[in-house]
Amino acid sequence: MKSVIVLAAVYALAGCGGASRNQQSSAPPARPLAALAGQRVVVLPVHYLRGGDSLGWGARTGATREYLGGLDDEIAFALKERGFQKAWAFPEDVTRTARRNSAYVSDPNSLAAEGLRGLLRTEKDRRVLDPLATQIRSLVGLLDARFALFPVEVRFEKTPNGSGVAVLRVVLIDARASEVTWQADVMSDPSPTFSRALLASLASHLADLIAAQ
């Protein structure tokens, strides 16, 4: 069963037809990021893996950067399947472009993103401060975009029936305004065992928030 926990609705997708800050909805839309389909968006690399889960799955991932890179690949694959292969820039593209311009931009795999790992509860929390604001603005501007879809952290949680899920904390950043305009936790399908299929499930559910398969 697909599952997505939307922790905060779209606050203001400036230039993408998002909801006003003053508008309230009783339930989040099925595809809260559908307006991004017509935008040029930069998808940043997944940054963090949280360990110490009760399932012990975080300790079974192997090399962290390699595991997160596998999720980057799955996200790119899922979104390209939905038709975004030309208009969007994916982690591999972002990393390649950054290497060619290393004198001007930061390594997209090592951004100062610690402050985005938790739920952003206030408007002040949603302000992206330096050095992260400048890092993202430079990367996104170099790729001729305004918005960055940032899969910040992966963690593992046990379900009530004893299975496990992978959970991906995702934020959408308006680079020009230096602001998080949307945030959510995306959950994989439940699984009784740890496997790479969790990554494909996460990526598919993230893509579901933008466009149908």
Protein backbone atom coordinates (compact mmCIF):
# COMPACT_ATOMS: atom_id res chain seq x y z
CA MET A 1 0.00 0.00 0.00
CA LYS A 2 1.40 3.35 -0.97
CA SER A 3 1.83 5.81 1.83
CA VAL A 4 2.89 9.43 1.99
CA ILE A 5 2.81 11.64 5.06
CA VAL A 6 2.53 15.29 4.05
CA LEU A 7 3.85 17.33 6.95
CA ALA A 8 3.23 20.75 5.47
CA ALA A 9 1.25 21.87 2.46
CA VAL A 10 2.72 23.96 -0.31
CA TYR A 11 3.17 27.37 1.24
CA ALA A 12 3.75 29.44 -1.89
CA LEU A 13 5.13 27.95 -5.06
CA ALA A 14 5.92 31.31 -6.55
CA GLY A 15 5.67 31.11 -10.31
CA CYS A 16 4.21 27.60 -10.20
CA GLY A 17 0.61 28.16 -9.31
CA GLY A 18 0.96 27.13 -5.68
CA ALA A 19 -1.52 27.89 -2.92
CA SER A 20 -1.47 31.18 -1.05
CA ARG A 21 -0.08 31.23 2.48
CA ASN A 22 -3.51 32.29 3.70
CA GLN A 23 -5.39 29.44 2.05
CA GLN A 24 -6.20 26.43 4.20
CA SER A 25 -7.19 22.96 3.05
CA SER A 26 -8.81 20.16 5.02
CA ALA A 27 -6.67 17.57 3.23
CA PRO A 28 -3.48 17.78 1.19
CA PRO A 29 -3.83 17.31 -2.58
CA ALA A 30 -3.04 13.88 -3.96
CA ARG A 31 -0.23 15.39 -6.03
CA PRO A 32 0.94 18.42 -4.04
CA LEU A 33 3.88 19.02 -6.38
CA ALA A 34 1.97 18.67 -9.66
CA ALA A 35 2.65 22.32 -10.50
CA LEU A 36 6.35 21.51 -10.77
CA ALA A 37 5.69 19.47 -13.91
CA GLY A 38 5.94 22.64 -16.00
CA GLN A 39 9.03 23.99 -14.24
CA ARG A 40 12.77 23.61 -14.59
CA VAL A 41 13.71 21.86 -11.32
CA VAL A 42 17.06 20.78 -9.88
CA VAL A 43 16.95 17.49 -7.93
CA LEU A 44 19.78 17.53 -5.40
CA PRO A 45 21.57 14.39 -4.15
CA VAL A 46 20.22 12.67 -1.04
CA HIS A 47 22.42 13.89 1.81
CA TYR A 48 22.02 11.93 5.02
CA LEU A 49 21.34 8.42 6.29
CA ARG A 50 20.08 8.20 9.86
CA GLY A 51 21.31 5.19 11.77
CA GLY A 52 20.38 3.70 15.12
CA ASP A 53 16.95 2.44 14.08
CA SER A 54 15.33 -0.36 16.06
CA LEU A 55 15.29 -2.60 12.98
CA GLY A 56 19.04 -2.38 12.55
CA TRP A 57 18.57 -1.61 8.86
CA GLY A 58 20.66 1.55 8.95
CA ALA A 59 23.67 -0.60 9.84
CA ARG A 60 23.07 -2.88 6.84
CA THR A 61 23.31 -0.30 4.07
CA GLY A 62 27.05 -0.61 3.52
CA ALA A 63 28.96 2.48 2.40
CA THR A 64 26.68 5.44 3.07
CA ARG A 65 27.51 7.50 -0.03
CA GLU A 66 27.12 4.44 -2.26
CA TYR A 67 23.73 3.64 -0.72
CA LEU A 68 22.49 7.20 -1.05
CA GLY A 69 23.80 7.28 -4.61
CA GLY A 70 21.62 4.26 -5.33
CA LEU A 71 18.60 6.23 -4.12
CA ASP A 72 19.66 9.18 -6.31
CA ASP A 73 19.63 6.82 -9.29
CA GLU A 74 16.22 5.41 -8.38
CA ILE A 75 14.73 8.91 -8.02
CA ALA A 76 16.13 9.95 -11.39
CA PHE A 77 14.77 6.79 -13.01
CA ALA A 78 11.29 7.21 -11.49
CA LEU A 79 11.01 10.87 -12.51
CA LYS A 80 12.33 10.25 -16.01
CA GLU A 81 9.68 7.57 -16.39
CA ARG A 82 7.09 10.28 -15.66
CA GLY A 83 8.45 12.45 -18.48
CA PHE A 84 10.91 14.81 -16.77
CA GLN A 85 14.10 13.60 -18.43
CA LYS A 86 14.66 16.79 -20.46
CA ALA A 87 13.37 19.65 -18.31
CA TRP A 88 14.80 18.57 -14.95
CA ALA A 89 18.39 18.31 -13.73
CA PHE A 90 19.09 15.17 -11.69
CA PRO A 91 21.84 14.46 -9.12
CA GLU A 92 24.25 13.09 -11.72
CA ASP A 93 23.75 16.22 -13.85
CA VAL A 94 24.13 18.49 -10.83
CA THR A 95 27.34 16.79 -9.70
CA ARG A 96 28.84 16.86 -13.19
CA THR A 97 28.02 20.55 -13.65
CA ALA A 98 29.43 21.41 -10.21
CA ARG A 99 32.71 19.65 -10.99
CA ARG A 100 33.08 21.70 -14.16
CA ASN A 101 32.48 24.86 -12.14
CA SER A 102 34.15 23.95 -8.87
CA ALA A 103 35.64 27.44 -8.48
CA TYR A 104 32.14 28.93 -8.26
CA VAL A 105 29.86 26.35 -6.62
CA SER A 106 29.98 23.91 -3.71
CA ASP A 107 30.04 20.14 -3.93
CA PRO A 108 26.32 19.22 -4.21
CA ASN A 109 26.96 16.09 -2.13
CA SER A 110 28.30 18.08 0.82
CA LEU A 111 25.93 20.99 1.41
CA ALA A 112 25.41 22.57 4.84
CA ALA A 113 21.95 21.02 5.18
CA GLU A 114 21.87 19.81 8.81
CA GLY A 115 19.13 22.29 9.64
CA LEU A 116 16.75 20.65 7.16
CA ARG A 117 16.83 17.20 8.75
CA GLY A 118 14.01 17.89 11.20
CA LEU A 119 10.45 19.09 10.75
CA LEU A 120 10.42 22.84 10.04
CA ARG A 121 7.65 24.09 12.31
CA THR A 122 7.74 27.86 11.92
CA GLU A 123 8.15 30.40 9.14
CA LYS A 124 11.52 31.30 10.62
CA ASP A 125 12.59 27.66 10.38
CA ARG A 126 11.69 27.65 6.70
CA ARG A 127 14.13 30.44 5.89
CA VAL A 128 17.24 28.94 4.29
CA LEU A 129 20.25 30.71 5.78
CA ASP A 130 23.84 30.96 4.64
CA PRO A 131 25.96 29.13 3.83
CA LEU A 132 23.26 26.76 2.51
CA ALA A 133 21.24 29.54 0.87
CA THR A 134 24.22 30.67 -1.22
CA GLN A 135 25.25 27.09 -2.00
CA ILE A 136 21.82 26.20 -3.38
CA ARG A 137 21.29 29.52 -5.15
CA SER A 138 24.59 29.09 -6.99
CA LEU A 139 23.89 25.51 -8.02
CA VAL A 140 20.31 26.14 -9.11
CA GLY A 141 21.22 29.32 -10.97
CA LEU A 142 24.00 27.54 -12.84
CA LEU A 143 21.42 25.03 -14.06
CA ASP A 144 18.97 27.75 -15.12
CA ALA A 145 16.31 26.86 -12.56
CA ARG A 146 14.58 28.39 -9.56
CA PHE A 147 13.45 25.42 -7.49
CA ALA A 148 15.48 22.67 -5.86
CA LEU A 149 13.84 19.39 -4.82
CA PHE A 150 16.03 18.25 -1.95
CA PRO A 151 15.76 14.67 -0.57
CA VAL A 152 17.50 15.46 2.69
CA GLU A 153 17.58 12.28 4.76
CA VAL A 154 16.65 8.60 4.73
CA ARG A 155 15.69 6.77 7.89
CA PHE A 156 14.10 3.42 8.75
CA GLU A 157 11.10 2.84 11.01
CA LYS A 158 9.24 -0.19 12.34
CA THR A 159 5.52 -0.45 11.54
CA PRO A 160 2.96 -1.59 14.15
CA ASN A 161 2.85 -5.07 12.60
CA GLY A 162 6.62 -5.50 12.84
CA SER A 163 7.51 -4.77 9.22
CA GLY A 164 9.76 -1.87 8.29
CA VAL A 165 9.60 1.16 6.02
CA ALA A 166 12.16 3.53 4.61
CA VAL A 167 11.23 7.19 5.15
CA LEU A 168 12.60 10.02 3.03
CA ARG A 169 12.50 13.60 4.31
CA VAL A 170 12.06 15.88 1.28
CA VAL A 171 11.92 19.67 1.01
CA LEU A 172 11.27 21.98 -1.92
CA ILE A 173 13.40 25.12 -1.88
CA ASP A 174 12.76 28.36 -3.74
CA ALA A 175 16.40 29.29 -4.34
CA ARG A 176 15.68 32.93 -5.20
CA ALA A 177 13.67 33.52 -2.03
CA SER A 178 15.93 31.26 0.09
CA GLU A 179 12.88 29.54 1.53
CA VAL A 180 11.51 26.04 2.01
CA THR A 181 8.10 26.15 0.35
CA TRP A 182 7.06 22.54 1.02
CA GLN A 183 8.17 19.59 3.14
CA ALA A 184 7.08 16.01 3.55
CA ASP A 185 8.05 12.55 4.70
CA VAL A 186 7.68 10.00 1.91
CA MET A 187 7.35 6.36 2.98
CA SER A 188 8.21 3.21 1.08
CA ASP A 189 5.91 0.22 0.94
CA PRO A 190 6.24 -1.87 4.12
CA SER A 191 8.70 -4.74 3.93
CA PRO A 192 9.44 -7.65 6.28
CA THR A 193 13.12 -7.53 5.32
CA PHE A 194 15.77 -5.01 4.34
CA SER A 195 16.39 -4.87 0.59
CA ARG A 196 17.21 -2.49 -2.25
CA ALA A 197 13.54 -2.61 -3.24
CA LEU A 198 12.95 -0.06 -0.49
CA LEU A 199 14.83 2.53 -2.57
CA ALA A 200 12.78 1.89 -5.70
CA SER A 201 9.59 2.12 -3.64
CA LEU A 202 10.66 5.43 -2.08
CA ALA A 203 11.53 6.90 -5.47
CA SER A 204 8.23 5.79 -7.00
CA HIS A 205 6.22 7.32 -4.15
CA LEU A 206 8.14 10.57 -4.42
CA ALA A 207 7.40 10.71 -8.15
CA ASP A 208 3.72 10.04 -7.35
CA LEU A 209 3.57 13.44 -5.64
CA ILE A 210 4.35 15.11 -8.97
CA ALA A 211 2.82 13.04 -11.76
CA ALA A 212 0.98 9.80 -12.44
CA GLN A 213 2.89 6.82 -13.70
